[in-house]
Each structure stands twice: as C-alpha cells, then as structure tokens.
Amino acid sequence: MRTTMRPVQFMLIAAWACWSASSMASETVISEPGSSAYHYVSHYSIDIDAPATAVWAQLILLESWMYEFDLTLESGEAGTEGAVRRLYTGQDFFIQTTKVVPNSLLVFANLPSLVNGEHSTGVATISLWDADGTTTVHLTMSRRYSWEGKEPNPNLTMRRSSPFQERARAMWQGRFLGRLKKLVEAG
C-alpha cells in the first residue's frame, strides 16, 4: 500500500527540519508584577555533527568550551551532582551541578549571589538530542534578579538593551557553543 504525504504534513516536517538544522538564540526579560524583580531567560542551540556520546564527553569538560569563566571546583567531584564551581574570578558567584543524565541532560543551579547590586538565583539546563548522528545541544538559562536600590535598576536597563543581548549571544552561541562544536567535530 502506497501512502502519500499531505501538503500540511510536508510543511510541518520541512519547518521542523529547518528549525532543527540551524542554530538558534533568543533572550527575554520579563518583570515580575508589583516588584523590582525580573527574569532574564536565554536560549541557545547548535547542531554538532557527532553522536550524543561524543558531544557529552566534551560537554562535561566545562573548562574546555566555557573558557572565559573561572570554573574553579570549590567542592565535590567535577561532572557529578552536587559539585560546586566558582563562575566569576574574585566574586562569590557559584554554580552547583544539580542533575546529570549522561549523554542527555546537565543541569546547574546558580546559587544565591549578590553582584552589581542585584540578588540573583537561577537554573541552566543543557540537553542533547541525537538524530541520526547529529546532536542538537540546547542551552537554556533562567535567572531571577531582584534590586533593592531606590533608583531605577541600571542592570535591568542594560539587559534589555540590544547591545547587551548581542554580546550575550556572541558569547554563548558564538564562542562557547561554537567552541564545543569545533572541539567535538575535530574529534
């Protein structure tokens, strides 16, 4: 029995193929009603021409691709749940590995911190999706910032600006995920 694809099915498959075959980046700033707090959410993805096992082997070596951060191991064992790393040199800003699913998922918590007058916490999730030997890496970070100053929050204004978002995209999408892709595909 021969089946034919309907135009709508074809369009959905074509749209999915275009979306999954490209890198993607977005940033969103959303204020909490009635408060000085806001959420900054960013999402980046990249396709790597390698199976998830090869991507994972490089991904867990954070220093190799997130090379602009301190990443000093403060406690625990690298690549394991509970490990705590310093993110920024000279600042009390730490991330803790909260979930590890080999070849699939890596989750970090931004531990409570105070940087540039803002209190912050957050979660970063890195997931891998392998389709026929090409792995899509999705990185989503959601941070909550709160401001206690009387004047308008300059950090919020900065994060809403196109230049800031372009710099964030260049760092995460371009330099970091781009380096991960280069390291994995070089084999």
C-alpha atoms as a PDB file:
ATOM      1  CA  MET A   1       0.000   0.000   0.000  1.00  0.00           C
ATOM      2  CA  ARG A   2       1.422   3.351  -1.015  1.00  0.00           C
ATOM      3  CA  THR A   3       0.968   6.355   1.223  1.00  0.00           C
ATOM      4  CA  THR A   4       1.221   9.959   0.171  1.00  0.00           C
ATOM      5  CA  MET A   5       2.133  12.884   2.291  1.00  0.00           C
ATOM      6  CA  ARG A   6      -0.391  15.675   2.579  1.00  0.00           C
ATOM      7  CA  PRO A   7       0.839  19.243   1.977  1.00  0.00           C
ATOM      8  CA  VAL A   8       0.321  20.194   5.625  1.00  0.00           C
ATOM      9  CA  GLN A   9       2.369  17.208   6.815  1.00  0.00           C
ATOM     10  CA  PHE A  10       5.122  18.075   4.371  1.00  0.00           C
ATOM     11  CA  MET A  11       5.183  21.719   5.542  1.00  0.00           C
ATOM     12  CA  LEU A  12       5.402  20.693   9.198  1.00  0.00           C
ATOM     13  CA  ILE A  13       8.238  18.267   8.502  1.00  0.00           C
ATOM     14  CA  ALA A  14      10.065  20.877   6.391  1.00  0.00           C
ATOM     15  CA  ALA A  15       9.656  23.531   9.105  1.00  0.00           C
ATOM     16  CA  TRP A  16      10.920  21.113  11.764  1.00  0.00           C
ATOM     17  CA  ALA A  17      13.919  20.180   9.584  1.00  0.00           C
ATOM     18  CA  CYS A  18      14.823  23.836   9.055  1.00  0.00           C
ATOM     19  CA  TRP A  19      14.473  24.602  12.752  1.00  0.00           C
ATOM     20  CA  SER A  20      16.450  21.598  13.932  1.00  0.00           C
ATOM     21  CA  ALA A  21      19.196  22.029  11.350  1.00  0.00           C
ATOM     22  CA  SER A  22      20.132  25.527  12.413  1.00  0.00           C
ATOM     23  CA  SER A  23      21.439  27.223  15.479  1.00  0.00           C
ATOM     24  CA  MET A  24      19.064  29.346  17.472  1.00  0.00           C
ATOM     25  CA  ALA A  25      19.411  32.123  20.037  1.00  0.00           C
ATOM     26  CA  SER A  26      16.952  34.247  21.993  1.00  0.00           C
ATOM     27  CA  GLU A  27      16.872  36.389  25.103  1.00  0.00           C
ATOM     28  CA  THR A  28      13.816  37.542  27.068  1.00  0.00           C
ATOM     29  CA  VAL A  29      13.458  39.936  30.010  1.00  0.00           C
ATOM     30  CA  ILE A  30      10.210  39.726  31.978  1.00  0.00           C
ATOM     31  CA  SER A  31       9.429  41.894  35.015  1.00  0.00           C
ATOM     32  CA  GLU A  32       7.533  40.465  37.967  1.00  0.00           C
ATOM     33  CA  PRO A  33       4.344  42.475  38.544  1.00  0.00           C
ATOM     34  CA  GLY A  34       4.454  44.657  41.640  1.00  0.00           C
ATOM     35  CA  SER A  35       8.112  44.063  42.425  1.00  0.00           C
ATOM     36  CA  SER A  36      11.612  45.138  41.493  1.00  0.00           C
ATOM     37  CA  ALA A  37      12.450  41.577  40.427  1.00  0.00           C
ATOM     38  CA  TYR A  38      12.704  40.308  36.877  1.00  0.00           C
ATOM     39  CA  HIS A  39      13.599  37.161  34.986  1.00  0.00           C
ATOM     40  CA  TYR A  40      16.239  37.015  32.273  1.00  0.00           C
ATOM     41  CA  VAL A  41      15.813  33.900  30.144  1.00  0.00           C
ATOM     42  CA  SER A  42      18.134  32.985  27.310  1.00  0.00           C
ATOM     43  CA  HIS A  43      18.137  30.024  24.987  1.00  0.00           C
ATOM     44  CA  TYR A  44      20.841  28.913  22.574  1.00  0.00           C
ATOM     45  CA  SER A  45      21.163  25.806  20.454  1.00  0.00           C
ATOM     46  CA  ILE A  46      23.609  24.396  17.967  1.00  0.00           C
ATOM     47  CA  ASP A  47      23.838  21.272  15.819  1.00  0.00           C
ATOM     48  CA  ILE A  48      27.014  19.212  16.133  1.00  0.00           C
ATOM     49  CA  ASP A  49      27.911  16.593  13.544  1.00  0.00           C
ATOM     50  CA  ALA A  50      28.592  13.830  16.058  1.00  0.00           C
ATOM     51  CA  PRO A  51      26.587  11.404  18.202  1.00  0.00           C
ATOM     52  CA  ALA A  52      25.456  12.477  21.668  1.00  0.00           C
ATOM     53  CA  THR A  53      28.096  10.261  23.340  1.00  0.00           C
ATOM     54  CA  ALA A  54      30.897  12.239  21.659  1.00  0.00           C
ATOM     55  CA  VAL A  55      29.263  15.578  22.483  1.00  0.00           C
ATOM     56  CA  TRP A  56      28.751  14.533  26.104  1.00  0.00           C
ATOM     57  CA  ALA A  57      32.396  13.530  26.535  1.00  0.00           C
ATOM     58  CA  GLN A  58      33.424  17.115  25.658  1.00  0.00           C
ATOM     59  CA  LEU A  59      30.425  18.860  27.241  1.00  0.00           C
ATOM     60  CA  ILE A  60      31.219  17.695  30.762  1.00  0.00           C
ATOM     61  CA  LEU A  61      34.716  19.225  30.430  1.00  0.00           C
ATOM     62  CA  LEU A  62      33.247  22.678  31.075  1.00  0.00           C
ATOM     63  CA  GLU A  63      36.602  24.465  31.081  1.00  0.00           C
ATOM     64  CA  SER A  64      37.273  23.356  27.510  1.00  0.00           C
ATOM     65  CA  TRP A  65      34.371  25.253  25.982  1.00  0.00           C
ATOM     66  CA  MET A  66      33.235  27.782  28.628  1.00  0.00           C
ATOM     67  CA  TYR A  67      36.811  29.016  28.723  1.00  0.00           C
ATOM     68  CA  GLU A  68      36.079  32.646  29.704  1.00  0.00           C
ATOM     69  CA  PHE A  69      34.806  31.678  33.163  1.00  0.00           C
ATOM     70  CA  ASP A  70      36.798  30.817  36.285  1.00  0.00           C
ATOM     71  CA  LEU A  71      35.108  27.409  36.891  1.00  0.00           C
ATOM     72  CA  THR A  72      37.321  26.588  39.883  1.00  0.00           C
ATOM     73  CA  LEU A  73      35.963  23.450  41.536  1.00  0.00           C
ATOM     74  CA  GLU A  74      35.089  24.515  45.100  1.00  0.00           C
ATOM     75  CA  SER A  75      33.610  21.224  46.315  1.00  0.00           C
ATOM     76  CA  GLY A  76      32.542  17.833  45.044  1.00  0.00           C
ATOM     77  CA  GLU A  77      33.794  15.984  42.001  1.00  0.00           C
ATOM     78  CA  ALA A  78      33.665  17.532  38.527  1.00  0.00           C
ATOM     79  CA  GLY A  79      30.808  16.206  36.397  1.00  0.00           C
ATOM     80  CA  THR A  80      28.835  14.841  39.350  1.00  0.00           C
ATOM     81  CA  GLU A  81      25.692  16.008  41.093  1.00  0.00           C
ATOM     82  CA  GLY A  82      26.480  18.313  43.981  1.00  0.00           C
ATOM     83  CA  ALA A  83      29.743  19.691  42.550  1.00  0.00           C
ATOM     84  CA  VAL A  84      30.116  23.440  43.130  1.00  0.00           C
ATOM     85  CA  ARG A  85      32.176  25.743  40.905  1.00  0.00           C
ATOM     86  CA  ARG A  86      33.052  29.424  41.125  1.00  0.00           C
ATOM     87  CA  LEU A  87      31.839  31.130  37.975  1.00  0.00           C
ATOM     88  CA  TYR A  88      33.488  34.566  38.162  1.00  0.00           C
ATOM     89  CA  THR A  89      37.021  35.172  39.430  1.00  0.00           C
ATOM     90  CA  GLY A  90      37.018  37.140  42.691  1.00  0.00           C
ATOM     91  CA  GLN A  91      33.231  37.050  43.107  1.00  0.00           C
ATOM     92  CA  ASP A  92      31.019  34.928  45.302  1.00  0.00           C
ATOM     93  CA  PHE A  93      29.045  33.600  42.350  1.00  0.00           C
ATOM     94  CA  PHE A  94      28.780  29.822  42.322  1.00  0.00           C
ATOM     95  CA  ILE A  95      27.018  27.187  40.240  1.00  0.00           C
ATOM     96  CA  GLN A  96      26.119  23.741  41.513  1.00  0.00           C
ATOM     97  CA  THR A  97      25.561  20.687  39.332  1.00  0.00           C
ATOM     98  CA  THR A  98      22.062  19.524  40.274  1.00  0.00           C
ATOM     99  CA  LYS A  99      21.285  16.844  37.675  1.00  0.00           C
ATOM    100  CA  VAL A 100      23.428  14.639  35.448  1.00  0.00           C
ATOM    101  CA  VAL A 101      21.881  12.260  32.915  1.00  0.00           C
ATOM    102  CA  PRO A 102      24.807  11.028  30.790  1.00  0.00           C
ATOM    103  CA  ASN A 103      24.507  11.726  27.055  1.00  0.00           C
ATOM    104  CA  SER A 104      21.269  13.618  27.644  1.00  0.00           C
ATOM    105  CA  LEU A 105      20.988  16.296  30.361  1.00  0.00           C
ATOM    106  CA  LEU A 106      23.141  18.537  32.558  1.00  0.00           C
ATOM    107  CA  VAL A 107      21.504  20.996  34.979  1.00  0.00           C
ATOM    108  CA  PHE A 108      23.111  23.710  37.119  1.00  0.00           C
ATOM    109  CA  ALA A 109      21.712  25.954  39.826  1.00  0.00           C
ATOM    110  CA  ASN A 110      23.058  29.479  40.106  1.00  0.00           C
ATOM    111  CA  LEU A 111      23.390  29.629  43.872  1.00  0.00           C
ATOM    112  CA  PRO A 112      22.113  32.822  45.550  1.00  0.00           C
ATOM    113  CA  SER A 113      24.506  35.686  44.926  1.00  0.00           C
ATOM    114  CA  LEU A 114      24.811  39.464  45.064  1.00  0.00           C
ATOM    115  CA  VAL A 115      26.527  41.022  42.030  1.00  0.00           C
ATOM    116  CA  ASN A 116      26.326  44.678  40.923  1.00  0.00           C
ATOM    117  CA  GLY A 117      23.621  45.420  43.496  1.00  0.00           C
ATOM    118  CA  GLU A 118      21.340  42.590  42.409  1.00  0.00           C
ATOM    119  CA  HIS A 119      20.441  39.411  44.221  1.00  0.00           C
ATOM    120  CA  SER A 120      20.171  36.511  41.818  1.00  0.00           C
ATOM    121  CA  THR A 121      19.413  32.825  41.536  1.00  0.00           C
ATOM    122  CA  GLY A 122      18.773  30.689  38.512  1.00  0.00           C
ATOM    123  CA  VAL A 123      18.902  27.441  36.598  1.00  0.00           C
ATOM    124  CA  ALA A 124      20.841  26.439  33.495  1.00  0.00           C
ATOM    125  CA  THR A 125      19.777  23.357  31.560  1.00  0.00           C
ATOM    126  CA  ILE A 126      21.806  21.754  28.793  1.00  0.00           C
ATOM    127  CA  SER A 127      20.072  18.989  26.881  1.00  0.00           C
ATOM    128  CA  LEU A 128      21.241  16.834  23.993  1.00  0.00           C
ATOM    129  CA  TRP A 129      19.064  15.441  21.240  1.00  0.00           C
ATOM    130  CA  ASP A 130      20.671  12.927  18.892  1.00  0.00           C
ATOM    131  CA  ALA A 131      19.094  12.351  15.471  1.00  0.00           C
ATOM    132  CA  ASP A 132      20.989  10.025  13.154  1.00  0.00           C
ATOM    133  CA  GLY A 133      24.421  11.013  14.455  1.00  0.00           C
ATOM    134  CA  THR A 134      23.837  14.777  14.567  1.00  0.00           C
ATOM    135  CA  THR A 135      23.315  16.125  18.059  1.00  0.00           C
ATOM    136  CA  THR A 136      21.426  19.300  18.841  1.00  0.00           C
ATOM    137  CA  VAL A 137      22.625  20.952  22.025  1.00  0.00           C
ATOM    138  CA  HIS A 138      20.046  23.163  23.758  1.00  0.00           C
ATOM    139  CA  LEU A 139      21.218  25.544  26.490  1.00  0.00           C
ATOM    140  CA  THR A 140      18.527  27.404  28.424  1.00  0.00           C
ATOM    141  CA  MET A 141      19.335  29.714  31.322  1.00  0.00           C
ATOM    142  CA  SER A 142      16.698  31.300  33.524  1.00  0.00           C
ATOM    143  CA  ARG A 143      17.866  33.786  36.116  1.00  0.00           C
ATOM    144  CA  ARG A 144      15.836  35.796  38.626  1.00  0.00           C
ATOM    145  CA  TYR A 145      17.257  39.148  39.665  1.00  0.00           C
ATOM    146  CA  SER A 146      15.972  41.429  42.411  1.00  0.00           C
ATOM    147  CA  TRP A 147      17.006  45.024  43.024  1.00  0.00           C
ATOM    148  CA  GLU A 148      16.860  46.775  46.386  1.00  0.00           C
ATOM    149  CA  GLY A 149      18.002  50.231  45.263  1.00  0.00           C
ATOM    150  CA  LYS A 150      15.708  53.274  45.320  1.00  0.00           C
ATOM    151  CA  GLU A 151      16.761  54.451  41.846  1.00  0.00           C
ATOM    152  CA  PRO A 152      15.894  52.602  38.620  1.00  0.00           C
ATOM    153  CA  ASN A 153      17.888  49.409  38.173  1.00  0.00           C
ATOM    154  CA  PRO A 154      20.713  50.033  35.666  1.00  0.00           C
ATOM    155  CA  ASN A 155      21.275  46.271  35.302  1.00  0.00           C
ATOM    156  CA  LEU A 156      17.705  45.755  34.080  1.00  0.00           C
ATOM    157  CA  THR A 157      18.101  48.576  31.560  1.00  0.00           C
ATOM    158  CA  MET A 158      21.372  47.037  30.386  1.00  0.00           C
ATOM    159  CA  ARG A 159      19.931  43.510  29.996  1.00  0.00           C
ATOM    160  CA  ARG A 160      17.019  44.844  27.958  1.00  0.00           C
ATOM    161  CA  SER A 161      19.373  46.577  25.516  1.00  0.00           C
ATOM    162  CA  SER A 162      20.168  45.139  22.097  1.00  0.00           C
ATOM    163  CA  PRO A 163      23.951  45.597  22.554  1.00  0.00           C
ATOM    164  CA  PHE A 164      23.897  43.524  25.778  1.00  0.00           C
ATOM    165  CA  GLN A 165      21.808  40.788  24.189  1.00  0.00           C
ATOM    166  CA  GLU A 166      24.063  40.746  21.119  1.00  0.00           C
ATOM    167  CA  ARG A 167      27.135  40.367  23.375  1.00  0.00           C
ATOM    168  CA  ALA A 168      25.419  37.536  25.292  1.00  0.00           C
ATOM    169  CA  ARG A 169      24.531  35.815  22.015  1.00  0.00           C
ATOM    170  CA  ALA A 170      28.092  36.224  20.715  1.00  0.00           C
ATOM    171  CA  MET A 171      29.493  34.704  23.912  1.00  0.00           C
ATOM    172  CA  TRP A 172      27.104  31.779  24.417  1.00  0.00           C
ATOM    173  CA  GLN A 173      26.070  30.951  20.856  1.00  0.00           C
ATOM    174  CA  GLY A 174      29.229  32.004  19.068  1.00  0.00           C
ATOM    175  CA  ARG A 175      32.210  31.478  21.326  1.00  0.00           C
ATOM    176  CA  PHE A 176      31.047  28.846  23.820  1.00  0.00           C
ATOM    177  CA  LEU A 177      28.728  26.563  21.839  1.00  0.00           C
ATOM    178  CA  GLY A 178      30.787  27.295  18.729  1.00  0.00           C
ATOM    179  CA  ARG A 179      33.899  26.076  20.546  1.00  0.00           C
ATOM    180  CA  LEU A 180      32.079  22.986  21.803  1.00  0.00           C
ATOM    181  CA  LYS A 181      31.080  22.197  18.213  1.00  0.00           C
ATOM    182  CA  LYS A 182      34.634  22.767  16.951  1.00  0.00           C
ATOM    183  CA  LEU A 183      36.207  20.583  19.660  1.00  0.00           C
ATOM    184  CA  VAL A 184      33.762  17.716  19.154  1.00  0.00           C
ATOM    185  CA  GLU A 185      33.845  17.743  15.369  1.00  0.00           C
ATOM    186  CA  ALA A 186      37.682  17.890  15.374  1.00  0.00           C
ATOM    187  CA  GLY A 187      37.461  14.616  17.263  1.00  0.00           C
END
